[in-house]
Amino acid sequence: MDQRQGKTESHWIELDGMNLHGRRSIDPVPSDRVPVVCVHGLSVSSRYMVPIAERLAPYHRVYAPDFPGFGKSDKPHHLYTIRDLADVLCRWMDRIGIAEAVLLGNSLGCQIIAEAAVRDPSRVSRAILVGPTVDPQAHSLFRNGWRLMRDLRRESLNSILTQGRDYLRSGPRRTIRTFQSALADRIETKLPRMEMPTLIVRGEYDPIVPQRWAEEAVRLLPNGRLAVLPRAPHAANFDAPDELAAVVLDFLGTVDRG
């Protein structure tokens, strides 16, 4: 498949008295194609999802929110749990006018998607979990911190700089508290209740999500598939967007009519 790239633009909405930033694609696509909502991970933002969003934009309408406290969105004093973030995602979709979508997330974004999917499965036509956290054998700050340090050796400089800017914007307190919420969240208890077709994607060089856990996650899903991207790190959405887009479009059954 010839890989095309689309364009995205910033947009803003008001939700619960907060201004929430996000991105949306602007390319014309067939009206019968389900939209794709990209869900960012820990302390990053929609900017982190732009590479994969641009590659899906010629085929689907693509959206990516900045959750409260992250990216360019307002920074409330309240710190959000995984359940809170899933609630924001569903209400953000309502505000945008998206009744049903494909949800594509990376890392902690996968936990938000899983929570939203079991809470209101009618909203999620398909789920794509790229590097889903947290490995049930690594529910500790130390283990995940060590894996993150190993992963940084595989990430591109551009990815590290993009993540670093977002981490500075969100701040250490919000990052640590959100990470604690992620460690307390048990995605393995939710996967068996995700009835919709779900694709697990793992980068071959991802130490945060070992192959063992990726395979276990697929076994837990009622309707799951696994794709492993050669030589890709944890942030495959940023550092391997062409390869990720190819498996996503195949999973969605998208045909290029252009």
C-alpha atoms as a PDB file:
ATOM      1  CA  MET A   1       0.000   0.000   0.000  1.00  0.00           C
ATOM      2  CA  ASP A   2       1.355   3.442  -0.903  1.00  0.00           C
ATOM      3  CA  GLN A   3       1.428   5.380   2.358  1.00  0.00           C
ATOM      4  CA  ARG A   4      -0.195   8.791   2.077  1.00  0.00           C
ATOM      5  CA  GLN A   5      -0.213  11.518   4.696  1.00  0.00           C
ATOM      6  CA  GLY A   6      -3.016  13.881   5.574  1.00  0.00           C
ATOM      7  CA  LYS A   7      -3.165  17.020   7.656  1.00  0.00           C
ATOM      8  CA  THR A   8      -4.467  17.878  11.083  1.00  0.00           C
ATOM      9  CA  GLU A   9      -5.469  21.143  12.714  1.00  0.00           C
ATOM     10  CA  SER A  10      -5.931  22.326  16.296  1.00  0.00           C
ATOM     11  CA  HIS A  11      -9.407  22.772  17.690  1.00  0.00           C
ATOM     12  CA  TRP A  12     -10.841  23.708  21.072  1.00  0.00           C
ATOM     13  CA  ILE A  13     -13.968  22.812  23.012  1.00  0.00           C
ATOM     14  CA  GLU A  14     -15.363  23.815  26.401  1.00  0.00           C
ATOM     15  CA  LEU A  15     -16.086  20.986  28.828  1.00  0.00           C
ATOM     16  CA  ASP A  16     -16.929  21.386  32.519  1.00  0.00           C
ATOM     17  CA  GLY A  17     -15.752  24.970  32.399  1.00  0.00           C
ATOM     18  CA  MET A  18     -12.360  23.982  30.968  1.00  0.00           C
ATOM     19  CA  ASN A  19     -10.884  24.701  27.571  1.00  0.00           C
ATOM     20  CA  LEU A  20      -9.722  21.431  26.062  1.00  0.00           C
ATOM     21  CA  HIS A  21      -7.377  21.379  23.116  1.00  0.00           C
ATOM     22  CA  GLY A  22      -7.292  18.669  20.503  1.00  0.00           C
ATOM     23  CA  ARG A  23      -6.443  17.908  16.915  1.00  0.00           C
ATOM     24  CA  ARG A  24      -8.606  16.759  14.023  1.00  0.00           C
ATOM     25  CA  SER A  25      -7.929  15.777  10.441  1.00  0.00           C
ATOM     26  CA  ILE A  26      -9.078  17.980   7.588  1.00  0.00           C
ATOM     27  CA  ASP A  27      -8.871  15.595   4.638  1.00  0.00           C
ATOM     28  CA  PRO A  28     -12.102  14.631   2.864  1.00  0.00           C
ATOM     29  CA  VAL A  29     -12.991  10.963   3.404  1.00  0.00           C
ATOM     30  CA  PRO A  30     -16.040   8.804   2.567  1.00  0.00           C
ATOM     31  CA  SER A  31     -18.895   9.576   4.931  1.00  0.00           C
ATOM     32  CA  ASP A  32     -19.504   5.913   5.782  1.00  0.00           C
ATOM     33  CA  ARG A  33     -16.113   5.401   7.417  1.00  0.00           C
ATOM     34  CA  VAL A  34     -16.051   5.266  11.179  1.00  0.00           C
ATOM     35  CA  PRO A  35     -13.865   7.975  12.769  1.00  0.00           C
ATOM     36  CA  VAL A  36     -10.675   7.174  14.657  1.00  0.00           C
ATOM     37  CA  VAL A  37      -9.966   8.783  18.033  1.00  0.00           C
ATOM     38  CA  CYS A  38      -6.312   8.713  19.136  1.00  0.00           C
ATOM     39  CA  VAL A  39      -5.759   8.574  22.907  1.00  0.00           C
ATOM     40  CA  HIS A  40      -2.414   9.759  24.245  1.00  0.00           C
ATOM     41  CA  GLY A  41      -0.408   8.204  27.043  1.00  0.00           C
ATOM     42  CA  LEU A  42       1.096   9.402  30.310  1.00  0.00           C
ATOM     43  CA  SER A  43       1.764  13.157  30.477  1.00  0.00           C
ATOM     44  CA  VAL A  44       2.077  13.559  26.716  1.00  0.00           C
ATOM     45  CA  SER A  45      -0.522  15.068  24.392  1.00  0.00           C
ATOM     46  CA  SER A  46      -2.183  14.890  20.998  1.00  0.00           C
ATOM     47  CA  ARG A  47       1.104  16.120  19.481  1.00  0.00           C
ATOM     48  CA  TYR A  48       2.529  12.697  20.359  1.00  0.00           C
ATOM     49  CA  MET A  49      -0.211  11.092  18.212  1.00  0.00           C
ATOM     50  CA  VAL A  50       0.238  13.342  15.158  1.00  0.00           C
ATOM     51  CA  PRO A  51       2.457  10.955  13.114  1.00  0.00           C
ATOM     52  CA  ILE A  52      -0.096   8.126  13.168  1.00  0.00           C
ATOM     53  CA  ALA A  53      -3.019  10.559  12.862  1.00  0.00           C
ATOM     54  CA  GLU A  54      -1.556  12.054   9.686  1.00  0.00           C
ATOM     55  CA  ARG A  55      -1.166   8.627   8.123  1.00  0.00           C
ATOM     56  CA  LEU A  56      -4.730   7.599   8.896  1.00  0.00           C
ATOM     57  CA  ALA A  57      -6.205  10.970   7.881  1.00  0.00           C
ATOM     58  CA  PRO A  58      -6.486  10.207   4.132  1.00  0.00           C
ATOM     59  CA  TYR A  59      -8.726   7.239   4.978  1.00  0.00           C
ATOM     60  CA  HIS A  60     -10.673   8.133   8.148  1.00  0.00           C
ATOM     61  CA  ARG A  61     -11.662  11.225  10.067  1.00  0.00           C
ATOM     62  CA  VAL A  62      -9.135  11.343  12.906  1.00  0.00           C
ATOM     63  CA  TYR A  63      -9.380  13.134  16.247  1.00  0.00           C
ATOM     64  CA  ALA A  64      -7.006  13.386  19.204  1.00  0.00           C
ATOM     65  CA  PRO A  65      -7.812  15.204  22.471  1.00  0.00           C
ATOM     66  CA  ASP A  66      -5.444  16.660  25.053  1.00  0.00           C
ATOM     67  CA  PHE A  67      -6.832  15.458  28.385  1.00  0.00           C
ATOM     68  CA  PRO A  68      -7.278  17.975  31.227  1.00  0.00           C
ATOM     69  CA  GLY A  69      -3.876  18.788  32.676  1.00  0.00           C
ATOM     70  CA  PHE A  70      -1.971  17.740  29.585  1.00  0.00           C
ATOM     71  CA  GLY A  71      -0.834  19.355  26.362  1.00  0.00           C
ATOM     72  CA  LYS A  72      -2.464  22.708  25.677  1.00  0.00           C
ATOM     73  CA  SER A  73      -5.627  21.924  27.652  1.00  0.00           C
ATOM     74  CA  ASP A  74      -6.430  23.716  30.911  1.00  0.00           C
ATOM     75  CA  LYS A  75      -4.639  22.491  34.016  1.00  0.00           C
ATOM     76  CA  PRO A  76      -7.212  21.876  36.773  1.00  0.00           C
ATOM     77  CA  HIS A  77      -6.127  21.387  40.376  1.00  0.00           C
ATOM     78  CA  HIS A  78      -8.004  18.076  40.428  1.00  0.00           C
ATOM     79  CA  LEU A  79      -5.889  15.075  39.424  1.00  0.00           C
ATOM     80  CA  TYR A  80      -7.646  12.555  37.222  1.00  0.00           C
ATOM     81  CA  THR A  81      -7.690   8.778  37.667  1.00  0.00           C
ATOM     82  CA  ILE A  82      -8.001   6.322  34.785  1.00  0.00           C
ATOM     83  CA  ARG A  83     -11.753   6.201  35.433  1.00  0.00           C
ATOM     84  CA  ASP A  84     -11.932   9.998  35.349  1.00  0.00           C
ATOM     85  CA  LEU A  85     -10.013  10.164  32.077  1.00  0.00           C
ATOM     86  CA  ALA A  86     -12.289   7.553  30.492  1.00  0.00           C
ATOM     87  CA  ASP A  87     -15.275   9.626  31.559  1.00  0.00           C
ATOM     88  CA  VAL A  88     -13.723  12.734  30.008  1.00  0.00           C
ATOM     89  CA  LEU A  89     -13.080  10.808  26.790  1.00  0.00           C
ATOM     90  CA  CYS A  90     -16.717   9.734  26.466  1.00  0.00           C
ATOM     91  CA  ARG A  91     -18.053  13.204  27.231  1.00  0.00           C
ATOM     92  CA  TRP A  92     -15.499  14.767  24.873  1.00  0.00           C
ATOM     93  CA  MET A  93     -16.799  12.458  22.129  1.00  0.00           C
ATOM     94  CA  ASP A  94     -20.355  13.595  22.922  1.00  0.00           C
ATOM     95  CA  ARG A  95     -19.270  17.220  22.729  1.00  0.00           C
ATOM     96  CA  ILE A  96     -17.559  16.650  19.363  1.00  0.00           C
ATOM     97  CA  GLY A  97     -20.572  14.740  18.065  1.00  0.00           C
ATOM     98  CA  ILE A  98     -18.977  11.280  17.784  1.00  0.00           C
ATOM     99  CA  ALA A  99     -21.450   8.555  18.691  1.00  0.00           C
ATOM    100  CA  GLU A 100     -19.137   5.654  17.872  1.00  0.00           C
ATOM    101  CA  ALA A 101     -15.477   5.439  16.940  1.00  0.00           C
ATOM    102  CA  VAL A 102     -12.408   3.294  16.605  1.00  0.00           C
ATOM    103  CA  LEU A 103     -10.291   4.072  19.661  1.00  0.00           C
ATOM    104  CA  LEU A 104      -6.515   3.901  19.166  1.00  0.00           C
ATOM    105  CA  GLY A 105      -4.288   4.451  22.179  1.00  0.00           C
ATOM    106  CA  ASN A 106      -0.691   4.090  23.257  1.00  0.00           C
ATOM    107  CA  SER A 107       0.560   2.997  26.680  1.00  0.00           C
ATOM    108  CA  LEU A 108      -1.639   4.529  29.415  1.00  0.00           C
ATOM    109  CA  GLY A 109      -4.052   5.558  26.653  1.00  0.00           C
ATOM    110  CA  CYS A 110      -4.841   1.852  26.265  1.00  0.00           C
ATOM    111  CA  GLN A 111      -5.982   1.740  29.895  1.00  0.00           C
ATOM    112  CA  ILE A 112      -8.288   4.691  29.265  1.00  0.00           C
ATOM    113  CA  ILE A 113      -9.725   2.932  26.222  1.00  0.00           C
ATOM    114  CA  ALA A 114     -10.269  -0.326  28.109  1.00  0.00           C
ATOM    115  CA  GLU A 115     -12.131   1.508  30.874  1.00  0.00           C
ATOM    116  CA  ALA A 116     -14.299   3.349  28.342  1.00  0.00           C
ATOM    117  CA  ALA A 117     -14.948   0.152  26.378  1.00  0.00           C
ATOM    118  CA  VAL A 118     -16.272  -1.837  29.335  1.00  0.00           C
ATOM    119  CA  ARG A 119     -18.255   1.129  30.619  1.00  0.00           C
ATOM    120  CA  ASP A 120     -20.019   1.907  27.335  1.00  0.00           C
ATOM    121  CA  PRO A 121     -19.165  -0.663  24.619  1.00  0.00           C
ATOM    122  CA  SER A 122     -21.623   0.901  22.168  1.00  0.00           C
ATOM    123  CA  ARG A 123     -19.190   3.812  21.813  1.00  0.00           C
ATOM    124  CA  VAL A 124     -16.290   1.633  20.637  1.00  0.00           C
ATOM    125  CA  SER A 125     -16.629  -0.140  17.294  1.00  0.00           C
ATOM    126  CA  ARG A 126     -13.048  -1.435  17.454  1.00  0.00           C
ATOM    127  CA  ALA A 127     -10.089  -0.910  19.761  1.00  0.00           C
ATOM    128  CA  ILE A 128      -6.396  -0.673  18.896  1.00  0.00           C
ATOM    129  CA  LEU A 129      -4.062  -0.932  21.888  1.00  0.00           C
ATOM    130  CA  VAL A 130      -0.471   0.018  21.046  1.00  0.00           C
ATOM    131  CA  GLY A 131       1.896  -0.987  23.817  1.00  0.00           C
ATOM    132  CA  PRO A 132      -0.835  -1.570  26.424  1.00  0.00           C
ATOM    133  CA  THR A 133       0.154  -0.999  30.041  1.00  0.00           C
ATOM    134  CA  VAL A 134       0.436  -2.201  32.722  1.00  0.00           C
ATOM    135  CA  ASP A 135       2.080  -5.634  32.487  1.00  0.00           C
ATOM    136  CA  PRO A 136       0.532  -7.577  35.415  1.00  0.00           C
ATOM    137  CA  GLN A 137       4.027  -8.752  36.387  1.00  0.00           C
ATOM    138  CA  ALA A 138       5.317  -5.181  36.668  1.00  0.00           C
ATOM    139  CA  HIS A 139       2.909  -3.300  38.927  1.00  0.00           C
ATOM    140  CA  SER A 140       5.641  -1.273  40.612  1.00  0.00           C
ATOM    141  CA  LEU A 141       7.166   2.139  40.086  1.00  0.00           C
ATOM    142  CA  PHE A 142      10.693   0.711  40.055  1.00  0.00           C
ATOM    143  CA  ARG A 143      10.076  -1.974  37.423  1.00  0.00           C
ATOM    144  CA  ASN A 144       8.266   0.363  35.081  1.00  0.00           C
ATOM    145  CA  GLY A 145      10.845   3.096  35.586  1.00  0.00           C
ATOM    146  CA  TRP A 146      13.630   0.683  34.699  1.00  0.00           C
ATOM    147  CA  ARG A 147      11.771  -0.490  31.603  1.00  0.00           C
ATOM    148  CA  LEU A 148      11.154   3.107  30.569  1.00  0.00           C
ATOM    149  CA  MET A 149      14.868   3.904  30.824  1.00  0.00           C
ATOM    150  CA  ARG A 150      15.654   0.901  28.612  1.00  0.00           C
ATOM    151  CA  ASP A 151      13.025   1.998  26.104  1.00  0.00           C
ATOM    152  CA  LEU A 152      14.493   5.509  25.806  1.00  0.00           C
ATOM    153  CA  ARG A 153      17.528   3.978  24.091  1.00  0.00           C
ATOM    154  CA  ARG A 154      15.197   2.808  21.309  1.00  0.00           C
ATOM    155  CA  GLU A 155      13.160   5.992  20.876  1.00  0.00           C
ATOM    156  CA  SER A 156      14.139   8.608  18.309  1.00  0.00           C
ATOM    157  CA  LEU A 157      15.555  11.938  19.451  1.00  0.00           C
ATOM    158  CA  ASN A 158      12.463  13.680  18.061  1.00  0.00           C
ATOM    159  CA  SER A 159      10.211  11.405  20.099  1.00  0.00           C
ATOM    160  CA  ILE A 160      12.216  12.021  23.277  1.00  0.00           C
ATOM    161  CA  LEU A 161      12.136  15.794  22.762  1.00  0.00           C
ATOM    162  CA  THR A 162       8.395  15.765  22.054  1.00  0.00           C
ATOM    163  CA  GLN A 163       7.692  13.709  25.161  1.00  0.00           C
ATOM    164  CA  GLY A 164      10.060  15.847  27.228  1.00  0.00           C
ATOM    165  CA  ARG A 165       8.269  19.072  26.304  1.00  0.00           C
ATOM    166  CA  ASP A 166       4.926  17.539  27.198  1.00  0.00           C
ATOM    167  CA  TYR A 167       6.250  16.192  30.518  1.00  0.00           C
ATOM    168  CA  LEU A 168       7.521  19.654  31.448  1.00  0.00           C
ATOM    169  CA  ARG A 169       4.156  21.163  30.546  1.00  0.00           C
ATOM    170  CA  SER A 170       2.157  18.701  32.680  1.00  0.00           C
ATOM    171  CA  GLY A 171       4.593  18.832  35.607  1.00  0.00           C
ATOM    172  CA  PRO A 172       6.062  16.159  37.900  1.00  0.00           C
ATOM    173  CA  ARG A 173       3.200  16.110  40.433  1.00  0.00           C
ATOM    174  CA  ARG A 174       0.551  15.373  37.812  1.00  0.00           C
ATOM    175  CA  THR A 175       2.814  12.849  36.086  1.00  0.00           C
ATOM    176  CA  ILE A 176       3.555  10.899  39.265  1.00  0.00           C
ATOM    177  CA  ARG A 177      -0.040  10.890  40.523  1.00  0.00           C
ATOM    178  CA  THR A 178      -1.385   9.808  37.128  1.00  0.00           C
ATOM    179  CA  PHE A 179       1.264   7.089  36.973  1.00  0.00           C
ATOM    180  CA  GLN A 180       0.169   5.864  40.397  1.00  0.00           C
ATOM    181  CA  SER A 181      -3.397   5.658  39.109  1.00  0.00           C
ATOM    182  CA  ALA A 182      -2.167   3.655  36.139  1.00  0.00           C
ATOM    183  CA  LEU A 183      -0.319   1.209  38.402  1.00  0.00           C
ATOM    184  CA  ALA A 184      -3.474   0.730  40.493  1.00  0.00           C
ATOM    185  CA  ASP A 185      -5.558   0.076  37.382  1.00  0.00           C
ATOM    186  CA  ARG A 186      -5.874  -3.571  36.280  1.00  0.00           C
ATOM    187  CA  ILE A 187      -6.361  -3.699  32.532  1.00  0.00           C
ATOM    188  CA  GLU A 188      -6.177  -7.516  32.610  1.00  0.00           C
ATOM    189  CA  THR A 189      -9.538  -7.609  34.416  1.00  0.00           C
ATOM    190  CA  LYS A 190     -11.159  -5.518  31.663  1.00  0.00           C
ATOM    191  CA  LEU A 191      -9.797  -7.196  28.538  1.00  0.00           C
ATOM    192  CA  PRO A 192     -12.099 -10.250  28.905  1.00  0.00           C
ATOM    193  CA  ARG A 193     -15.096  -7.885  28.843  1.00  0.00           C
ATOM    194  CA  MET A 194     -14.079  -6.101  25.656  1.00  0.00           C
ATOM    195  CA  GLU A 195     -16.337  -7.849  23.144  1.00  0.00           C
ATOM    196  CA  MET A 196     -15.451  -5.613  20.189  1.00  0.00           C
ATOM    197  CA  PRO A 197     -12.663  -6.613  17.756  1.00  0.00           C
ATOM    198  CA  THR A 198      -9.429  -5.506  19.376  1.00  0.00           C
ATOM    199  CA  LEU A 199      -5.917  -5.290  17.967  1.00  0.00           C
ATOM    200  CA  ILE A 200      -2.913  -5.459  20.274  1.00  0.00           C
ATOM    201  CA  VAL A 201       0.179  -3.883  18.724  1.00  0.00           C
ATOM    202  CA  ARG A 202       3.653  -4.335  20.154  1.00  0.00           C
ATOM    203  CA  GLY A 203       6.940  -2.883  18.981  1.00  0.00           C
ATOM    204  CA  GLU A 204       9.569  -5.600  18.703  1.00  0.00           C
ATOM    205  CA  TYR A 205      11.991  -3.509  20.791  1.00  0.00           C
ATOM    206  CA  ASP A 206       9.464  -2.471  23.457  1.00  0.00           C
ATOM    207  CA  PRO A 207      10.741  -3.440  26.953  1.00  0.00           C
ATOM    208  CA  ILE A 208       7.699  -1.895  28.667  1.00  0.00           C
ATOM    209  CA  VAL A 209       5.367  -4.407  26.998  1.00  0.00           C
ATOM    210  CA  PRO A 210       7.216  -7.729  26.654  1.00  0.00           C
ATOM    211  CA  GLN A 211       6.056 -10.301  24.137  1.00  0.00           C
ATOM    212  CA  ARG A 212       4.774 -12.516  26.947  1.00  0.00           C
ATOM    213  CA  TRP A 213       2.366  -9.831  28.159  1.00  0.00           C
ATOM    214  CA  ALA A 214       1.243  -8.917  24.622  1.00  0.00           C
ATOM    215  CA  GLU A 215       0.353 -12.555  23.938  1.00  0.00           C
ATOM    216  CA  GLU A 216      -1.408 -12.879  27.295  1.00  0.00           C
ATOM    217  CA  ALA A 217      -3.454  -9.751  26.544  1.00  0.00           C
ATOM    218  CA  VAL A 218      -4.627 -11.252  23.248  1.00  0.00           C
ATOM    219  CA  ARG A 219      -5.626 -14.498  24.982  1.00  0.00           C
ATOM    220  CA  LEU A 220      -7.696 -12.533  27.483  1.00  0.00           C
ATOM    221  CA  LEU A 221      -9.639 -10.766  24.725  1.00  0.00           C
ATOM    222  CA  PRO A 222     -12.789 -12.423  23.341  1.00  0.00           C
ATOM    223  CA  ASN A 223     -11.948 -11.156  19.849  1.00  0.00           C
ATOM    224  CA  GLY A 224      -8.291 -10.176  19.831  1.00  0.00           C
ATOM    225  CA  ARG A 225      -5.424 -10.095  17.360  1.00  0.00           C
ATOM    226  CA  LEU A 226      -1.722  -9.379  17.774  1.00  0.00           C
ATOM    227  CA  ALA A 227       0.616  -7.470  15.473  1.00  0.00           C
ATOM    228  CA  VAL A 228       4.337  -7.063  16.193  1.00  0.00           C
ATOM    229  CA  LEU A 229       6.108  -4.211  14.415  1.00  0.00           C
ATOM    230  CA  PRO A 230       9.729  -5.060  13.575  1.00  0.00           C
ATOM    231  CA  ARG A 231      12.363  -2.886  15.284  1.00  0.00           C
ATOM    232  CA  ALA A 232       9.722  -0.529  16.727  1.00  0.00           C
ATOM    233  CA  PRO A 233       9.957   0.890  20.283  1.00  0.00           C
ATOM    234  CA  HIS A 234       7.158   1.503  22.779  1.00  0.00           C
ATOM    235  CA  ALA A 235       6.021   4.692  21.040  1.00  0.00           C
ATOM    236  CA  ALA A 236       5.291   3.010  17.714  1.00  0.00           C
ATOM    237  CA  ASN A 237       2.642   5.659  17.058  1.00  0.00           C
ATOM    238  CA  PHE A 238       5.468   8.215  16.830  1.00  0.00           C
ATOM    239  CA  ASP A 239       8.526   6.265  15.676  1.00  0.00           C
ATOM    240  CA  ALA A 240       6.930   3.644  13.405  1.00  0.00           C
ATOM    241  CA  PRO A 241       3.788   5.380  12.059  1.00  0.00           C
ATOM    242  CA  ASP A 242       3.981   3.917   8.547  1.00  0.00           C
ATOM    243  CA  GLU A 243       4.183   0.354   9.829  1.00  0.00           C
ATOM    244  CA  LEU A 244       1.484   0.996  12.426  1.00  0.00           C
ATOM    245  CA  ALA A 245      -0.836   2.607   9.873  1.00  0.00           C
ATOM    246  CA  ALA A 246      -0.488  -0.415   7.587  1.00  0.00           C
ATOM    247  CA  VAL A 247      -1.615  -2.883  10.270  1.00  0.00           C
ATOM    248  CA  VAL A 248      -4.361  -0.532  11.488  1.00  0.00           C
ATOM    249  CA  LEU A 249      -5.845  -0.040   8.017  1.00  0.00           C
ATOM    250  CA  ASP A 250      -5.698  -3.800   7.426  1.00  0.00           C
ATOM    251  CA  PHE A 251      -7.442  -4.397  10.761  1.00  0.00           C
ATOM    252  CA  LEU A 252     -10.137  -1.877   9.883  1.00  0.00           C
ATOM    253  CA  GLY A 253     -10.610  -3.316   6.400  1.00  0.00           C
ATOM    254  CA  THR A 254     -10.072   0.119   4.889  1.00  0.00           C
ATOM    255  CA  VAL A 255      -9.864   0.222   1.096  1.00  0.00           C
ATOM    256  CA  ASP A 256      -8.310   3.200  -0.619  1.00  0.00           C
ATOM    257  CA  ARG A 257     -10.977   4.475  -2.992  1.00  0.00           C
ATOM    258  CA  GLY A 258      -8.925   7.478  -4.045  1.00  0.00           C
END
